[in-house]
Amino acid sequence: MKVVFKHKSGRSELMNQREADILQKLKRGTYQTKDMQARPVTQEAGSVQHGATDEPIKKQTRKRQADKGTPE
């Protein structure tokens, strides 16, 4: 598998993972495979958290209490 090895000097080089692993153990730089790299967060995934809305928490609490019929 080909990986991008980044030398300590800042130079990047495409090489086999085996060669990059040896150079990394010799502390000549670092490399990452595609599955190790961070992916950007999509807008959909960020907004689907446990019923997240733009409504302030106090308004949500008042709505819940009104639905239950209990006074504040």
N, C-alpha and C. Protein backbone atom coordinates (compact mmCIF):
# COMPACT_ATOMS: atom_id res chain seq x y z
N MET A 1 0.85 -1.17 0.00
CA MET A 1 0.00 0.00 0.00
C MET A 1 0.90 1.23 0.00
N LYS A 2 0.57 2.21 -0.84
CA LYS A 2 1.33 3.45 -0.91
C LYS A 2 0.81 4.43 0.13
N VAL A 3 1.73 5.12 0.81
CA VAL A 3 1.39 6.12 1.80
C VAL A 3 2.23 7.36 1.55
N VAL A 4 1.80 8.48 2.11
CA VAL A 4 2.57 9.72 2.02
C VAL A 4 3.38 9.84 3.31
N PHE A 5 4.70 9.81 3.15
CA PHE A 5 5.61 9.94 4.29
C PHE A 5 6.06 11.38 4.36
N LYS A 6 5.93 12.00 5.53
CA LYS A 6 6.35 13.39 5.72
C LYS A 6 7.65 13.40 6.52
N HIS A 7 8.73 13.81 5.86
CA HIS A 7 10.03 13.88 6.51
C HIS A 7 10.04 15.01 7.53
N LYS A 8 10.97 14.94 8.49
CA LYS A 8 11.10 16.00 9.50
C LYS A 8 11.39 17.36 8.87
N SER A 9 12.01 17.36 7.72
CA SER A 9 12.34 18.62 7.03
C SER A 9 11.09 19.25 6.39
N GLY A 10 9.98 18.48 6.34
CA GLY A 10 8.75 19.00 5.77
C GLY A 10 8.45 18.45 4.39
N ARG A 11 9.41 17.77 3.79
CA ARG A 11 9.23 17.21 2.46
C ARG A 11 8.31 16.00 2.54
N SER A 12 7.38 15.87 1.60
CA SER A 12 6.48 14.73 1.54
C SER A 12 6.87 13.83 0.38
N GLU A 13 6.74 12.53 0.58
CA GLU A 13 7.16 11.57 -0.43
C GLU A 13 6.20 10.38 -0.43
N LEU A 14 5.81 9.93 -1.61
CA LEU A 14 4.94 8.77 -1.76
C LEU A 14 5.82 7.52 -1.76
N MET A 15 5.53 6.56 -0.87
CA MET A 15 6.33 5.34 -0.78
C MET A 15 5.51 4.18 -0.24
N ASN A 16 6.07 3.00 -0.26
CA ASN A 16 5.41 1.83 0.29
C ASN A 16 5.30 1.95 1.80
N GLN A 17 4.26 1.36 2.36
CA GLN A 17 4.02 1.45 3.80
C GLN A 17 5.17 0.80 4.57
N ARG A 18 5.71 -0.28 4.05
CA ARG A 18 6.81 -0.97 4.74
C ARG A 18 8.03 -0.06 4.90
N GLU A 19 8.38 0.67 3.83
CA GLU A 19 9.52 1.59 3.89
C GLU A 19 9.22 2.76 4.84
N ALA A 20 7.99 3.26 4.79
CA ALA A 20 7.61 4.37 5.66
C ALA A 20 7.64 3.96 7.12
N ASP A 21 7.25 2.73 7.41
CA ASP A 21 7.26 2.24 8.78
C ASP A 21 8.69 2.18 9.32
N ILE A 22 9.62 1.73 8.49
CA ILE A 22 11.02 1.66 8.91
C ILE A 22 11.56 3.06 9.19
N LEU A 23 11.29 4.01 8.29
CA LEU A 23 11.77 5.38 8.49
C LEU A 23 11.14 6.02 9.73
N GLN A 24 9.88 5.71 9.99
CA GLN A 24 9.23 6.27 11.18
C GLN A 24 9.86 5.70 12.45
N LYS A 25 10.21 4.42 12.45
CA LYS A 25 10.87 3.82 13.62
C LYS A 25 12.26 4.41 13.84
N LEU A 26 12.90 4.86 12.76
CA LEU A 26 14.20 5.52 12.87
C LEU A 26 14.05 7.00 13.21
N LYS A 27 12.80 7.44 13.44
CA LYS A 27 12.47 8.83 13.81
C LYS A 27 12.90 9.83 12.74
N ARG A 28 12.68 9.44 11.47
CA ARG A 28 12.99 10.33 10.35
C ARG A 28 11.78 11.13 9.90
N GLY A 29 10.58 10.80 10.44
CA GLY A 29 9.36 11.49 10.05
C GLY A 29 8.15 10.65 10.41
N THR A 30 6.99 10.99 9.81
CA THR A 30 5.76 10.27 10.11
C THR A 30 4.99 9.97 8.83
N TYR A 31 4.05 9.03 8.95
CA TYR A 31 3.15 8.73 7.84
C TYR A 31 1.81 8.32 8.42
N GLN A 32 0.78 8.44 7.58
CA GLN A 32 -0.56 8.00 7.95
C GLN A 32 -1.18 7.32 6.76
N THR A 33 -1.89 6.23 7.03
CA THR A 33 -2.65 5.58 5.97
C THR A 33 -4.01 6.27 5.87
N LYS A 34 -4.77 5.98 4.83
CA LYS A 34 -6.07 6.61 4.62
C LYS A 34 -7.01 6.35 5.78
N ASP A 35 -6.98 5.14 6.36
CA ASP A 35 -7.91 4.83 7.45
C ASP A 35 -7.49 5.47 8.77
N MET A 36 -6.26 5.99 8.87
CA MET A 36 -5.80 6.65 10.09
C MET A 36 -6.10 8.15 10.07
N GLN A 37 -6.36 8.71 8.88
CA GLN A 37 -6.54 10.15 8.75
C GLN A 37 -7.91 10.59 9.22
N ALA A 38 -7.98 11.79 9.78
CA ALA A 38 -9.25 12.35 10.23
C ALA A 38 -10.08 12.77 9.03
N ARG A 39 -11.38 12.57 9.13
CA ARG A 39 -12.30 12.99 8.08
C ARG A 39 -13.07 14.21 8.56
N PRO A 40 -13.40 15.13 7.65
CA PRO A 40 -14.18 16.29 8.07
C PRO A 40 -15.59 15.89 8.49
N VAL A 41 -16.14 16.58 9.48
CA VAL A 41 -17.47 16.28 9.97
C VAL A 41 -18.48 16.90 9.01
N THR A 42 -19.46 16.11 8.59
CA THR A 42 -20.48 16.63 7.70
C THR A 42 -21.52 17.38 8.51
N GLN A 43 -22.23 18.28 7.88
CA GLN A 43 -23.24 19.09 8.55
C GLN A 43 -24.36 18.20 9.10
N GLU A 44 -24.75 17.17 8.35
CA GLU A 44 -25.82 16.28 8.78
C GLU A 44 -25.46 15.54 10.06
N ALA A 45 -24.25 15.01 10.13
CA ALA A 45 -23.85 14.22 11.30
C ALA A 45 -23.75 15.10 12.54
N GLY A 46 -23.36 16.35 12.39
CA GLY A 46 -23.21 17.23 13.53
C GLY A 46 -24.53 17.69 14.11
N SER A 47 -25.59 17.75 13.31
CA SER A 47 -26.86 18.31 13.79
C SER A 47 -27.86 17.25 14.23
N VAL A 48 -27.50 15.98 14.18
CA VAL A 48 -28.45 14.92 14.51
C VAL A 48 -28.25 14.42 15.94
N GLN A 49 -27.67 15.21 16.79
CA GLN A 49 -27.36 14.77 18.14
C GLN A 49 -28.58 14.83 19.05
N HIS A 50 -29.09 13.72 19.43
CA HIS A 50 -30.14 13.57 20.45
C HIS A 50 -31.22 14.64 20.38
N GLY A 51 -31.82 14.82 19.24
CA GLY A 51 -32.92 15.76 19.10
C GLY A 51 -32.49 17.21 19.24
N ALA A 52 -31.31 17.53 18.78
CA ALA A 52 -30.80 18.90 18.91
C ALA A 52 -31.63 19.85 18.06
N THR A 53 -31.98 20.99 18.63
CA THR A 53 -32.71 22.02 17.91
C THR A 53 -32.05 23.37 18.16
N ASP A 54 -32.51 24.37 17.46
CA ASP A 54 -32.01 25.72 17.66
C ASP A 54 -32.74 26.43 18.80
N GLU A 55 -33.74 25.79 19.34
CA GLU A 55 -34.58 26.39 20.37
C GLU A 55 -33.83 26.40 21.71
N PRO A 56 -33.87 27.52 22.44
CA PRO A 56 -33.20 27.58 23.74
C PRO A 56 -33.77 26.55 24.72
N ILE A 57 -32.96 26.16 25.69
CA ILE A 57 -33.34 25.12 26.65
C ILE A 57 -34.54 25.54 27.49
N LYS A 58 -34.61 26.81 27.90
CA LYS A 58 -35.74 27.27 28.72
C LYS A 58 -37.06 27.11 27.98
N LYS A 59 -37.06 27.42 26.69
CA LYS A 59 -38.29 27.27 25.91
C LYS A 59 -38.67 25.80 25.80
N GLN A 60 -37.67 24.93 25.61
CA GLN A 60 -37.95 23.50 25.52
C GLN A 60 -38.54 23.00 26.83
N THR A 61 -38.01 23.47 27.97
CA THR A 61 -38.51 23.05 29.29
C THR A 61 -39.95 23.52 29.47
N ARG A 62 -40.23 24.76 29.11
CA ARG A 62 -41.59 25.28 29.23
C ARG A 62 -42.56 24.48 28.38
N LYS A 63 -42.12 24.12 27.17
CA LYS A 63 -42.98 23.33 26.29
C LYS A 63 -43.31 21.98 26.92
N ARG A 64 -42.29 21.32 27.47
CA ARG A 64 -42.49 20.01 28.10
C ARG A 64 -43.45 20.12 29.28
N GLN A 65 -43.27 21.17 30.09
CA GLN A 65 -44.14 21.33 31.26
C GLN A 65 -45.56 21.65 30.83
N ALA A 66 -45.73 22.41 29.75
CA ALA A 66 -47.06 22.71 29.24
C ALA A 66 -47.71 21.45 28.69
N ASP A 67 -46.92 20.59 28.05
CA ASP A 67 -47.46 19.34 27.53
C ASP A 67 -47.90 18.41 28.65
N LYS A 68 -47.16 18.40 29.76
CA LYS A 68 -47.49 17.56 30.90
C LYS A 68 -48.63 18.15 31.73
N GLY A 69 -48.82 19.46 31.63
CA GLY A 69 -49.87 20.11 32.40
C GLY A 69 -49.43 20.50 33.79
N THR A 70 -48.13 20.57 34.05
CA THR A 70 -47.62 20.97 35.36
C THR A 70 -47.19 22.42 35.32
N PRO A 71 -47.47 23.18 36.38
CA PRO A 71 -47.06 24.58 36.41
C PRO A 71 -45.55 24.70 36.64
N GLU A 72 -45.01 25.86 36.29
CA GLU A 72 -43.55 26.09 36.44
C GLU A 72 -43.17 26.26 37.87
